[in-house]
Structures are given as C-alpha cells and as structure tokens.
Amino acid sequence: MSEISAEQEAREAALVERVLTSFAGSPDPRTRELVEALTRHVHAFLRETRLTEEEWRRAIEFLTAVGHMTDDRRQEFILLSDVLGASMQTITINNEAYADATEATVFGPFFVEGSPDVGLGGDVAGGAEGEPCWVEGTVTDTSGAPIAGARIEVWEADAEGLYDVQYGDDRVAGRGHLHTDADGRYRFWAVTPTPYPIPDDGPVGELLRATGRSPMRAAHLHLMVEADGCRTLVTHVFPRGDTYLDTDSVFGVRDSLIVDVHHQLPNTPTPDGREVAGPWSRIDFDLVLAPGTVSKDS
C-alpha cells in the first residue's frame, strides 16, 4: 500500500469531523453517542483498509441480500451478527458475571413467540424427529433459594438439524414453555441435541465459504428463563464431547454450559413412567438467575 500524503490524510480527517459535527444537535445523548462512535469506527475501517469503490458496492449488495433473505421466519441479520461474534459480544457486555449465575449465550434466529404450554413433564418435541431426552433441574437465585413459577421457554432443532420454522408447513415442533413448581424444579421431554449447520443458503453462508469457515453449530438446547426480580436468562445446554464445541460457528459455547448426556438403553425405566420404544437420554441442568428487574408473562 502506497504511503498517504499529508494532504490526503487531512482531507479524510476533515470529512470525519464534518460528519461527526452533523450529529451535534441530536436531542438524545445516547443516540448521539452511538452514531458518533459508529461514524468514527466506520471511517477508521475505510481508511485503514483503503476500501475500493468496487468493494464498497459489493458490501452494499451483500447487506441488501441479507435484508431480502430476512422475513418473519428467518432473521439473516441476526445470523450475520452471530457469525461475526457481535451477538455474543453484546451478550457478554450486557450479562456481567454475578456470583454463580448461569452464563448467557446467543439468542439465535429461530425463537418464535407463542409457543405451546407443555406443562411440567410435558413434551416440547411435538413430533420432532430425534431420540427422546428427559431434561430436569432446579431454578434458583444466587442465594440458593428456589424460584417458583419461573417461565422456561425451550426450543431446539430436530435430528435432521432443522427447526420447525425451516420447514415449508405450519408445524410447531421442538419448542414449548413451562413453569417451575413450588420447589423451583422443572422437567420436560425433548430430543437429544445434535449438531447442525446454520442456514448457509444465503449471503451469510457465502461469507462463511469465502472465509473458509464451517457453518456447523455445536449441539445444543435453547433455554430462556424469566422470573420476577431476576435478570432474564437466555442460555444453551451443550452436550459434552460434541465435535464442534471448539469451533461453534456463532461462538456461543461456554465451558459452564457443557453438560453430561446420560444415554439410556432401550427398556430402561423413565423418570415419569413414559414408555420409550428405543434408547433415550437424560440431562440434569440447574439454572441460577442473577438479580434484576424484569416482568414475567404467566
């Protein structure tokens, strides 16, 4: 790269200052802080990389394609944020470590409002293909007190690596919610988590291929826990020994969220007496909520 002349440096710096000055009248201080910081970082990127006009055009086309791919069933912008680590960094910033509270991780693009209430011991699989998996544990605060009535939202991919919204019909499977009992305990049936690729048939997939990265996510089960007086927790459960724990495409794995999956032979009695024709598994995972002010839907 050729050296930049002093005159060119001055022109570029002057433009940055003009753009920053244009936001001086922002009535909201936080808005001004955000757009000014964004401006400084974007211009620093442009000047550091000496971005060409053709590269700028291709970047605009890429973001346009991300927008076109996004609809009410698929959020390509969240997927882009995920693979750049921006989602995980935002979560890390906003969920500071507190005592032994369970760590948060990425929300992901496949959460859907209005999941069915399966009740304690219910089946969130809803017909999703996969090995049955019994999941149970306790929800407590950081003092160890059990939290009754906490809402637990669960969603996951099936054994084919697909969420219900990725199918071309209106099925509701692999998702549901329930509430903890008076002792803060929860339990439900799901399917044993398996690894799968994030959707790579769109612009984010093209980015991964262009950079030699795998689209594979480590096997996981999504959990979102809400309770009055506590910080809402969005987290995953990751089976120990999964091939992709160290290369998860969205950087969502945390060591504290890796759990043992206890595989059961066919005809092994289940905790609730359910008859399972073949093998099944079980996961035990206790959840600890940090304090905070949140409201909870019943």
C-alpha atoms as a PDB file:
ATOM      1  CA  MET A   1       0.000   0.000   0.000  1.00  0.00           C
ATOM      2  CA  SER A   2       1.383   3.366  -1.012  1.00  0.00           C
ATOM      3  CA  GLU A   3       2.022   5.961   1.653  1.00  0.00           C
ATOM      4  CA  ILE A   4      -0.766   8.509   2.148  1.00  0.00           C
ATOM      5  CA  SER A   5       0.223  12.104   1.686  1.00  0.00           C
ATOM      6  CA  ALA A   6      -0.291  14.645   4.434  1.00  0.00           C
ATOM      7  CA  GLU A   7      -2.817  16.478   2.264  1.00  0.00           C
ATOM      8  CA  GLN A   8      -4.831  13.298   1.696  1.00  0.00           C
ATOM      9  CA  GLU A   9      -4.742  12.495   5.419  1.00  0.00           C
ATOM     10  CA  ALA A  10      -6.044  15.977   6.188  1.00  0.00           C
ATOM     11  CA  ARG A  11      -8.900  15.693   3.662  1.00  0.00           C
ATOM     12  CA  GLU A  12     -10.021  12.356   5.090  1.00  0.00           C
ATOM     13  CA  ALA A  13      -9.805  13.564   8.689  1.00  0.00           C
ATOM     14  CA  ALA A  14     -11.737  16.710   7.825  1.00  0.00           C
ATOM     15  CA  LEU A  15     -14.561  14.632   6.366  1.00  0.00           C
ATOM     16  CA  VAL A  16     -14.798  12.577   9.548  1.00  0.00           C
ATOM     17  CA  GLU A  17     -15.096  15.763  11.591  1.00  0.00           C
ATOM     18  CA  ARG A  18     -17.808  17.167   9.297  1.00  0.00           C
ATOM     19  CA  VAL A  19     -19.876  14.011   9.671  1.00  0.00           C
ATOM     20  CA  LEU A  20     -19.431  13.994  13.449  1.00  0.00           C
ATOM     21  CA  THR A  21     -20.437  17.653  13.643  1.00  0.00           C
ATOM     22  CA  SER A  22     -23.658  16.886  11.779  1.00  0.00           C
ATOM     23  CA  PHE A  23     -24.865  14.859  14.764  1.00  0.00           C
ATOM     24  CA  ALA A  24     -24.140  17.581  17.324  1.00  0.00           C
ATOM     25  CA  GLY A  25     -27.802  18.563  17.525  1.00  0.00           C
ATOM     26  CA  SER A  26     -29.058  15.072  18.391  1.00  0.00           C
ATOM     27  CA  PRO A  27     -31.664  15.625  21.130  1.00  0.00           C
ATOM     28  CA  ASP A  28     -30.990  12.249  22.763  1.00  0.00           C
ATOM     29  CA  PRO A  29     -27.479  11.968  24.274  1.00  0.00           C
ATOM     30  CA  ARG A  30     -27.322   8.192  23.877  1.00  0.00           C
ATOM     31  CA  THR A  31     -28.297   8.403  20.193  1.00  0.00           C
ATOM     32  CA  ARG A  32     -25.573  10.967  19.652  1.00  0.00           C
ATOM     33  CA  GLU A  33     -23.026   8.779  21.452  1.00  0.00           C
ATOM     34  CA  LEU A  34     -23.906   5.753  19.320  1.00  0.00           C
ATOM     35  CA  VAL A  35     -23.934   7.433  15.907  1.00  0.00           C
ATOM     36  CA  GLU A  36     -20.718   9.341  16.639  1.00  0.00           C
ATOM     37  CA  ALA A  37     -18.916   6.175  17.746  1.00  0.00           C
ATOM     38  CA  LEU A  38     -20.253   4.297  14.729  1.00  0.00           C
ATOM     39  CA  THR A  39     -19.080   7.075  12.429  1.00  0.00           C
ATOM     40  CA  ARG A  40     -15.579   7.079  13.909  1.00  0.00           C
ATOM     41  CA  HIS A  41     -15.217   3.305  13.658  1.00  0.00           C
ATOM     42  CA  VAL A  42     -16.663   3.035  10.131  1.00  0.00           C
ATOM     43  CA  HIS A  43     -14.396   5.761   8.817  1.00  0.00           C
ATOM     44  CA  ALA A  44     -11.413   4.218  10.612  1.00  0.00           C
ATOM     45  CA  PHE A  45     -12.180   0.901   8.885  1.00  0.00           C
ATOM     46  CA  LEU A  46     -12.495   2.576   5.497  1.00  0.00           C
ATOM     47  CA  ARG A  47      -9.233   4.455   5.922  1.00  0.00           C
ATOM     48  CA  GLU A  48      -7.303   1.514   7.375  1.00  0.00           C
ATOM     49  CA  THR A  49      -8.314  -0.910   4.615  1.00  0.00           C
ATOM     50  CA  ARG A  50      -8.333   1.724   1.836  1.00  0.00           C
ATOM     51  CA  LEU A  51     -11.648   0.285   0.687  1.00  0.00           C
ATOM     52  CA  THR A  52     -12.174   0.443  -3.058  1.00  0.00           C
ATOM     53  CA  GLU A  53     -15.384   1.678  -4.655  1.00  0.00           C
ATOM     54  CA  GLU A  54     -15.975  -1.811  -6.059  1.00  0.00           C
ATOM     55  CA  GLU A  55     -15.597  -3.340  -2.591  1.00  0.00           C
ATOM     56  CA  TRP A  56     -17.994  -0.742  -1.216  1.00  0.00           C
ATOM     57  CA  ARG A  57     -20.538  -1.657  -3.920  1.00  0.00           C
ATOM     58  CA  ARG A  58     -20.204  -5.364  -3.176  1.00  0.00           C
ATOM     59  CA  ALA A  59     -20.660  -4.709   0.533  1.00  0.00           C
ATOM     60  CA  ILE A  60     -23.889  -2.791  -0.167  1.00  0.00           C
ATOM     61  CA  GLU A  61     -25.109  -5.648  -2.372  1.00  0.00           C
ATOM     62  CA  PHE A  62     -24.278  -8.127   0.403  1.00  0.00           C
ATOM     63  CA  LEU A  63     -26.245  -6.191   3.027  1.00  0.00           C
ATOM     64  CA  THR A  64     -29.130  -5.777   0.583  1.00  0.00           C
ATOM     65  CA  ALA A  65     -29.170  -9.553   0.063  1.00  0.00           C
ATOM     66  CA  VAL A  66     -29.199 -10.061   3.832  1.00  0.00           C
ATOM     67  CA  GLY A  67     -32.262  -7.820   4.002  1.00  0.00           C
ATOM     68  CA  HIS A  68     -34.051  -9.648   1.207  1.00  0.00           C
ATOM     69  CA  MET A  69     -33.391 -13.008   2.925  1.00  0.00           C
ATOM     70  CA  THR A  70     -34.908 -11.777   6.191  1.00  0.00           C
ATOM     71  CA  ASP A  71     -38.605 -12.371   6.825  1.00  0.00           C
ATOM     72  CA  ASP A  72     -40.900 -13.316   9.709  1.00  0.00           C
ATOM     73  CA  ARG A  73     -39.492 -16.870   9.738  1.00  0.00           C
ATOM     74  CA  ARG A  74     -35.797 -16.214   9.157  1.00  0.00           C
ATOM     75  CA  GLN A  75     -33.571 -13.440  10.538  1.00  0.00           C
ATOM     76  CA  GLU A  76     -30.492 -13.249   8.329  1.00  0.00           C
ATOM     77  CA  PHE A  77     -29.265 -10.089  10.082  1.00  0.00           C
ATOM     78  CA  ILE A  78     -29.142 -11.916  13.418  1.00  0.00           C
ATOM     79  CA  LEU A  79     -27.314 -14.744  11.660  1.00  0.00           C
ATOM     80  CA  LEU A  80     -24.773 -12.240  10.319  1.00  0.00           C
ATOM     81  CA  SER A  81     -24.349 -10.736  13.776  1.00  0.00           C
ATOM     82  CA  ASP A  82     -23.894 -14.254  15.164  1.00  0.00           C
ATOM     83  CA  VAL A  83     -21.126 -15.363  12.799  1.00  0.00           C
ATOM     84  CA  LEU A  84     -19.216 -12.099  13.331  1.00  0.00           C
ATOM     85  CA  GLY A  85     -19.308 -12.656  17.088  1.00  0.00           C
ATOM     86  CA  ALA A  86     -21.243  -9.412  17.530  1.00  0.00           C
ATOM     87  CA  SER A  87     -24.210 -11.173  19.120  1.00  0.00           C
ATOM     88  CA  MET A  88     -22.015 -12.992  21.614  1.00  0.00           C
ATOM     89  CA  GLN A  89     -20.050  -9.838  22.448  1.00  0.00           C
ATOM     90  CA  THR A  90     -23.260  -7.893  23.086  1.00  0.00           C
ATOM     91  CA  ILE A  91     -24.481 -10.673  25.370  1.00  0.00           C
ATOM     92  CA  THR A  92     -21.145 -10.739  27.195  1.00  0.00           C
ATOM     93  CA  ILE A  93     -21.288  -6.983  27.790  1.00  0.00           C
ATOM     94  CA  ASN A  94     -24.889  -6.998  28.984  1.00  0.00           C
ATOM     95  CA  ASN A  95     -24.746 -10.092  31.180  1.00  0.00           C
ATOM     96  CA  GLU A  96     -21.914  -9.342  33.558  1.00  0.00           C
ATOM     97  CA  ALA A  97     -20.730 -12.155  35.776  1.00  0.00           C
ATOM     98  CA  TYR A  98     -22.650 -12.234  39.044  1.00  0.00           C
ATOM     99  CA  ALA A  99     -21.892 -14.782  41.769  1.00  0.00           C
ATOM    100  CA  ASP A 100     -22.700 -18.235  40.396  1.00  0.00           C
ATOM    101  CA  ALA A 101     -25.463 -17.122  37.999  1.00  0.00           C
ATOM    102  CA  THR A 102     -25.760 -19.278  34.896  1.00  0.00           C
ATOM    103  CA  GLU A 103     -23.938 -17.758  31.938  1.00  0.00           C
ATOM    104  CA  ALA A 104     -25.892 -16.379  28.996  1.00  0.00           C
ATOM    105  CA  THR A 105     -25.274 -17.107  25.350  1.00  0.00           C
ATOM    106  CA  VAL A 106     -26.678 -16.272  21.917  1.00  0.00           C
ATOM    107  CA  PHE A 107     -30.401 -15.928  21.309  1.00  0.00           C
ATOM    108  CA  GLY A 108     -30.225 -17.220  17.757  1.00  0.00           C
ATOM    109  CA  PRO A 109     -32.581 -16.528  14.840  1.00  0.00           C
ATOM    110  CA  PHE A 110     -35.192 -19.241  15.447  1.00  0.00           C
ATOM    111  CA  PHE A 111     -37.099 -18.158  18.551  1.00  0.00           C
ATOM    112  CA  VAL A 112     -40.824 -17.761  17.916  1.00  0.00           C
ATOM    113  CA  GLU A 113     -43.367 -16.119  20.218  1.00  0.00           C
ATOM    114  CA  GLY A 114     -46.465 -18.023  21.243  1.00  0.00           C
ATOM    115  CA  SER A 115     -45.029 -21.481  21.876  1.00  0.00           C
ATOM    116  CA  PRO A 116     -47.373 -24.088  23.383  1.00  0.00           C
ATOM    117  CA  ASP A 117     -47.565 -24.507  27.153  1.00  0.00           C
ATOM    118  CA  VAL A 118     -46.478 -28.130  27.614  1.00  0.00           C
ATOM    119  CA  GLY A 119     -46.628 -28.066  31.417  1.00  0.00           C
ATOM    120  CA  LEU A 120     -44.289 -29.776  33.864  1.00  0.00           C
ATOM    121  CA  GLY A 121     -43.154 -33.093  32.461  1.00  0.00           C
ATOM    122  CA  GLY A 122     -44.574 -32.250  29.049  1.00  0.00           C
ATOM    123  CA  ASP A 123     -43.029 -32.913  25.650  1.00  0.00           C
ATOM    124  CA  VAL A 124     -41.608 -29.926  23.754  1.00  0.00           C
ATOM    125  CA  ALA A 125     -40.625 -32.185  20.855  1.00  0.00           C
ATOM    126  CA  GLY A 126     -44.167 -32.098  19.497  1.00  0.00           C
ATOM    127  CA  GLY A 127     -43.387 -34.798  16.989  1.00  0.00           C
ATOM    128  CA  ALA A 128     -39.902 -33.552  16.075  1.00  0.00           C
ATOM    129  CA  GLU A 129     -37.652 -36.364  14.907  1.00  0.00           C
ATOM    130  CA  GLY A 130     -34.948 -37.469  17.336  1.00  0.00           C
ATOM    131  CA  GLU A 131     -34.037 -39.562  20.331  1.00  0.00           C
ATOM    132  CA  PRO A 132     -36.220 -38.734  23.364  1.00  0.00           C
ATOM    133  CA  CYS A 133     -34.360 -36.795  26.036  1.00  0.00           C
ATOM    134  CA  TRP A 134     -35.535 -36.123  29.597  1.00  0.00           C
ATOM    135  CA  VAL A 135     -34.336 -32.749  30.919  1.00  0.00           C
ATOM    136  CA  GLU A 136     -34.719 -31.664  34.521  1.00  0.00           C
ATOM    137  CA  GLY A 137     -33.241 -29.361  37.111  1.00  0.00           C
ATOM    138  CA  THR A 138     -33.912 -26.554  39.562  1.00  0.00           C
ATOM    139  CA  VAL A 139     -34.161 -22.800  39.071  1.00  0.00           C
ATOM    140  CA  THR A 140     -32.757 -20.781  41.981  1.00  0.00           C
ATOM    141  CA  ASP A 141     -31.491 -17.299  42.688  1.00  0.00           C
ATOM    142  CA  THR A 142     -27.861 -16.695  43.589  1.00  0.00           C
ATOM    143  CA  SER A 143     -28.606 -17.192  47.289  1.00  0.00           C
ATOM    144  CA  GLY A 144     -29.779 -20.711  46.517  1.00  0.00           C
ATOM    145  CA  ALA A 145     -33.465 -20.002  47.107  1.00  0.00           C
ATOM    146  CA  PRO A 146     -35.728 -21.908  44.689  1.00  0.00           C
ATOM    147  CA  ILE A 147     -37.800 -19.800  42.296  1.00  0.00           C
ATOM    148  CA  ALA A 148     -41.381 -20.992  41.919  1.00  0.00           C
ATOM    149  CA  GLY A 149     -43.355 -20.080  38.810  1.00  0.00           C
ATOM    150  CA  ALA A 150     -40.347 -19.187  36.654  1.00  0.00           C
ATOM    151  CA  ARG A 151     -41.231 -19.397  32.970  1.00  0.00           C
ATOM    152  CA  ILE A 152     -38.893 -21.616  30.954  1.00  0.00           C
ATOM    153  CA  GLU A 153     -39.003 -21.312  27.185  1.00  0.00           C
ATOM    154  CA  VAL A 154     -37.410 -24.191  25.260  1.00  0.00           C
ATOM    155  CA  TRP A 155     -36.593 -24.524  21.561  1.00  0.00           C
ATOM    156  CA  GLU A 156     -34.309 -26.789  19.547  1.00  0.00           C
ATOM    157  CA  ALA A 157     -33.586 -28.356  16.166  1.00  0.00           C
ATOM    158  CA  ASP A 158     -34.690 -31.880  15.325  1.00  0.00           C
ATOM    159  CA  ALA A 159     -32.419 -34.810  14.465  1.00  0.00           C
ATOM    160  CA  GLU A 160     -32.238 -33.529  10.873  1.00  0.00           C
ATOM    161  CA  GLY A 161     -30.734 -30.273  12.114  1.00  0.00           C
ATOM    162  CA  LEU A 162     -33.801 -28.195  11.289  1.00  0.00           C
ATOM    163  CA  TYR A 163     -36.089 -26.002  13.383  1.00  0.00           C
ATOM    164  CA  ASP A 164     -39.805 -26.181  12.754  1.00  0.00           C
ATOM    165  CA  VAL A 165     -39.839 -22.771  11.033  1.00  0.00           C
ATOM    166  CA  GLN A 166     -37.369 -24.070   8.434  1.00  0.00           C
ATOM    167  CA  TYR A 167     -39.941 -26.472   7.066  1.00  0.00           C
ATOM    168  CA  GLY A 168     -42.415 -25.348   4.450  1.00  0.00           C
ATOM    169  CA  ASP A 169     -45.506 -26.026   6.523  1.00  0.00           C
ATOM    170  CA  ASP A 170     -47.051 -24.640   9.703  1.00  0.00           C
ATOM    171  CA  ARG A 171     -45.794 -27.296  12.105  1.00  0.00           C
ATOM    172  CA  VAL A 172     -44.940 -26.370  15.679  1.00  0.00           C
ATOM    173  CA  ALA A 173     -42.304 -28.775  16.973  1.00  0.00           C
ATOM    174  CA  GLY A 174     -39.185 -28.636  19.098  1.00  0.00           C
ATOM    175  CA  ARG A 175     -40.487 -25.703  21.112  1.00  0.00           C
ATOM    176  CA  GLY A 176     -42.676 -25.033  24.126  1.00  0.00           C
ATOM    177  CA  HIS A 177     -42.757 -23.467  27.562  1.00  0.00           C
ATOM    178  CA  LEU A 178     -43.484 -24.489  31.142  1.00  0.00           C
ATOM    179  CA  HIS A 179     -43.254 -23.105  34.672  1.00  0.00           C
ATOM    180  CA  THR A 180     -41.283 -24.310  37.664  1.00  0.00           C
ATOM    181  CA  ASP A 181     -43.123 -25.921  40.565  1.00  0.00           C
ATOM    182  CA  ALA A 182     -43.275 -24.682  44.171  1.00  0.00           C
ATOM    183  CA  ASP A 183     -39.769 -26.031  44.799  1.00  0.00           C
ATOM    184  CA  GLY A 184     -38.310 -24.337  41.720  1.00  0.00           C
ATOM    185  CA  ARG A 185     -37.990 -27.617  39.852  1.00  0.00           C
ATOM    186  CA  TYR A 186     -38.633 -28.160  36.155  1.00  0.00           C
ATOM    187  CA  ARG A 187     -38.786 -31.198  33.906  1.00  0.00           C
ATOM    188  CA  PHE A 188     -39.722 -31.925  30.319  1.00  0.00           C
ATOM    189  CA  TRP A 189     -39.147 -34.237  27.391  1.00  0.00           C
ATOM    190  CA  ALA A 190     -37.264 -33.012  24.315  1.00  0.00           C
ATOM    191  CA  VAL A 191     -34.999 -34.686  21.776  1.00  0.00           C
ATOM    192  CA  THR A 192     -31.296 -35.281  22.347  1.00  0.00           C
ATOM    193  CA  PRO A 193     -29.446 -32.251  20.931  1.00  0.00           C
ATOM    194  CA  THR A 194     -27.445 -32.886  17.757  1.00  0.00           C
ATOM    195  CA  PRO A 195     -25.053 -30.624  15.814  1.00  0.00           C
ATOM    196  CA  TYR A 196     -26.315 -28.919  12.680  1.00  0.00           C
ATOM    197  CA  PRO A 197     -25.267 -26.246  10.176  1.00  0.00           C
ATOM    198  CA  ILE A 198     -26.660 -22.759  10.465  1.00  0.00           C
ATOM    199  CA  PRO A 199     -28.636 -21.809   7.327  1.00  0.00           C
ATOM    200  CA  ASP A 200     -25.919 -21.324   4.724  1.00  0.00           C
ATOM    201  CA  ASP A 201     -28.021 -20.975   1.573  1.00  0.00           C
ATOM    202  CA  GLY A 202     -27.977 -17.196   1.798  1.00  0.00           C
ATOM    203  CA  PRO A 203     -25.454 -14.347   1.923  1.00  0.00           C
ATOM    204  CA  VAL A 204     -24.146 -15.338   5.372  1.00  0.00           C
ATOM    205  CA  GLY A 205     -23.352 -18.785   4.018  1.00  0.00           C
ATOM    206  CA  GLU A 206     -21.479 -17.168   1.127  1.00  0.00           C
ATOM    207  CA  LEU A 207     -19.449 -15.169   3.643  1.00  0.00           C
ATOM    208  CA  LEU A 208     -18.524 -18.330   5.570  1.00  0.00           C
ATOM    209  CA  ARG A 209     -17.426 -20.130   2.408  1.00  0.00           C
ATOM    210  CA  ALA A 210     -15.418 -17.115   1.253  1.00  0.00           C
ATOM    211  CA  THR A 211     -13.534 -17.114   4.556  1.00  0.00           C
ATOM    212  CA  GLY A 212     -13.082 -20.877   4.850  1.00  0.00           C
ATOM    213  CA  ARG A 213     -15.286 -21.240   7.913  1.00  0.00           C
ATOM    214  CA  SER A 214     -17.611 -24.086   8.846  1.00  0.00           C
ATOM    215  CA  PRO A 215     -21.332 -23.386   9.300  1.00  0.00           C
ATOM    216  CA  MET A 216     -21.655 -26.071  11.984  1.00  0.00           C
ATOM    217  CA  ARG A 217     -23.117 -25.277  15.371  1.00  0.00           C
ATOM    218  CA  ALA A 218     -22.303 -27.404  18.378  1.00  0.00           C
ATOM    219  CA  ALA A 219     -25.274 -29.489  19.521  1.00  0.00           C
ATOM    220  CA  HIS A 220     -27.426 -27.524  21.956  1.00  0.00           C
ATOM    221  CA  LEU A 221     -30.798 -26.933  23.542  1.00  0.00           C
ATOM    222  CA  HIS A 222     -32.087 -23.355  23.929  1.00  0.00           C
ATOM    223  CA  LEU A 223     -33.471 -22.201  27.277  1.00  0.00           C
ATOM    224  CA  MET A 224     -34.869 -18.796  28.189  1.00  0.00           C
ATOM    225  CA  VAL A 225     -35.833 -18.302  31.838  1.00  0.00           C
ATOM    226  CA  GLU A 226     -37.911 -15.388  33.145  1.00  0.00           C
ATOM    227  CA  ALA A 227     -38.870 -14.662  36.731  1.00  0.00           C
ATOM    228  CA  ASP A 228     -39.920 -11.538  38.621  1.00  0.00           C
ATOM    229  CA  GLY A 229     -36.998  -9.787  40.293  1.00  0.00           C
ATOM    230  CA  CYS A 230     -34.429 -11.649  38.211  1.00  0.00           C
ATOM    231  CA  ARG A 231     -32.442 -10.931  35.078  1.00  0.00           C
ATOM    232  CA  THR A 232     -33.893 -12.824  32.120  1.00  0.00           C
ATOM    233  CA  LEU A 233     -31.535 -15.621  31.163  1.00  0.00           C
ATOM    234  CA  VAL A 234     -31.029 -16.778  27.586  1.00  0.00           C
ATOM    235  CA  THR A 235     -28.715 -19.758  27.523  1.00  0.00           C
ATOM    236  CA  HIS A 236     -27.915 -23.134  25.941  1.00  0.00           C
ATOM    237  CA  VAL A 237     -27.146 -26.628  27.145  1.00  0.00           C
ATOM    238  CA  PHE A 238     -24.247 -28.223  25.237  1.00  0.00           C
ATOM    239  CA  PRO A 239     -23.604 -31.999  25.341  1.00  0.00           C
ATOM    240  CA  ARG A 240     -20.087 -32.861  26.485  1.00  0.00           C
ATOM    241  CA  GLY A 241     -17.876 -34.428  23.839  1.00  0.00           C
ATOM    242  CA  ASP A 242     -19.570 -32.779  20.856  1.00  0.00           C
ATOM    243  CA  THR A 243     -17.289 -32.434  17.837  1.00  0.00           C
ATOM    244  CA  TYR A 244     -17.973 -28.719  17.355  1.00  0.00           C
ATOM    245  CA  LEU A 245     -17.598 -27.335  20.870  1.00  0.00           C
ATOM    246  CA  ASP A 246     -14.336 -25.594  19.947  1.00  0.00           C
ATOM    247  CA  THR A 247     -15.472 -24.374  16.522  1.00  0.00           C
ATOM    248  CA  ASP A 248     -19.087 -23.349  17.080  1.00  0.00           C
ATOM    249  CA  SER A 249     -19.935 -21.072  14.156  1.00  0.00           C
ATOM    250  CA  VAL A 250     -21.545 -18.394  16.334  1.00  0.00           C
ATOM    251  CA  PHE A 251     -19.056 -18.543  19.245  1.00  0.00           C
ATOM    252  CA  GLY A 252     -21.850 -19.460  21.669  1.00  0.00           C
ATOM    253  CA  VAL A 253     -20.176 -22.212  23.705  1.00  0.00           C
ATOM    254  CA  ARG A 254     -19.242 -21.521  27.312  1.00  0.00           C
ATOM    255  CA  ASP A 255     -17.493 -24.167  29.381  1.00  0.00           C
ATOM    256  CA  SER A 256     -20.000 -23.790  32.224  1.00  0.00           C
ATOM    257  CA  LEU A 257     -22.848 -24.751  29.896  1.00  0.00           C
ATOM    258  CA  ILE A 258     -21.340 -28.076  28.799  1.00  0.00           C
ATOM    259  CA  VAL A 259     -23.191 -30.961  30.450  1.00  0.00           C
ATOM    260  CA  ASP A 260     -23.132 -34.735  30.509  1.00  0.00           C
ATOM    261  CA  VAL A 261     -25.771 -36.510  28.472  1.00  0.00           C
ATOM    262  CA  HIS A 262     -26.635 -39.795  30.137  1.00  0.00           C
ATOM    263  CA  HIS A 263     -27.577 -42.265  27.419  1.00  0.00           C
ATOM    264  CA  GLN A 264     -30.055 -44.966  28.421  1.00  0.00           C
ATOM    265  CA  LEU A 265     -30.511 -48.420  26.929  1.00  0.00           C
ATOM    266  CA  PRO A 266     -33.870 -49.475  25.498  1.00  0.00           C
ATOM    267  CA  ASN A 267     -36.379 -50.552  28.152  1.00  0.00           C
ATOM    268  CA  THR A 268     -34.637 -48.533  30.879  1.00  0.00           C
ATOM    269  CA  PRO A 269     -37.423 -47.125  33.103  1.00  0.00           C
ATOM    270  CA  THR A 270     -38.024 -43.398  32.549  1.00  0.00           C
ATOM    271  CA  PRO A 271     -38.385 -40.879  35.414  1.00  0.00           C
ATOM    272  CA  ASP A 272     -42.085 -40.309  34.721  1.00  0.00           C
ATOM    273  CA  GLY A 273     -43.027 -43.817  33.620  1.00  0.00           C
ATOM    274  CA  ARG A 274     -43.278 -42.928  29.946  1.00  0.00           C
ATOM    275  CA  GLU A 275     -42.815 -45.893  27.634  1.00  0.00           C
ATOM    276  CA  VAL A 276     -39.970 -45.339  25.163  1.00  0.00           C
ATOM    277  CA  ALA A 277     -39.531 -47.935  22.446  1.00  0.00           C
ATOM    278  CA  GLY A 278     -35.811 -47.434  21.896  1.00  0.00           C
ATOM    279  CA  PRO A 279     -32.871 -45.724  23.590  1.00  0.00           C
ATOM    280  CA  TRP A 280     -33.310 -42.392  25.303  1.00  0.00           C
ATOM    281  CA  SER A 281     -31.155 -39.918  27.206  1.00  0.00           C
ATOM    282  CA  ARG A 282     -31.341 -37.587  30.171  1.00  0.00           C
ATOM    283  CA  ILE A 283     -29.783 -34.254  31.055  1.00  0.00           C
ATOM    284  CA  ASP A 284     -29.644 -32.673  34.523  1.00  0.00           C
ATOM    285  CA  PHE A 285     -29.022 -28.929  34.497  1.00  0.00           C
ATOM    286  CA  ASP A 286     -29.620 -26.452  37.326  1.00  0.00           C
ATOM    287  CA  LEU A 287     -30.236 -22.815  36.427  1.00  0.00           C
ATOM    288  CA  VAL A 288     -29.225 -19.859  38.604  1.00  0.00           C
ATOM    289  CA  LEU A 289     -30.690 -16.419  37.898  1.00  0.00           C
ATOM    290  CA  ALA A 290     -28.950 -13.140  38.632  1.00  0.00           C
ATOM    291  CA  PRO A 291     -30.944 -10.342  40.293  1.00  0.00           C
ATOM    292  CA  GLY A 292     -32.599  -7.741  38.140  1.00  0.00           C
ATOM    293  CA  THR A 293     -35.932  -6.121  37.438  1.00  0.00           C
ATOM    294  CA  VAL A 294     -37.963  -7.969  34.821  1.00  0.00           C
ATOM    295  CA  SER A 295     -41.625  -8.692  34.281  1.00  0.00           C
ATOM    296  CA  LYS A 296     -42.865 -12.182  33.611  1.00  0.00           C
ATOM    297  CA  ASP A 297     -45.785 -13.325  31.474  1.00  0.00           C
ATOM    298  CA  SER A 298     -47.800 -16.006  33.167  1.00  0.00           C
END
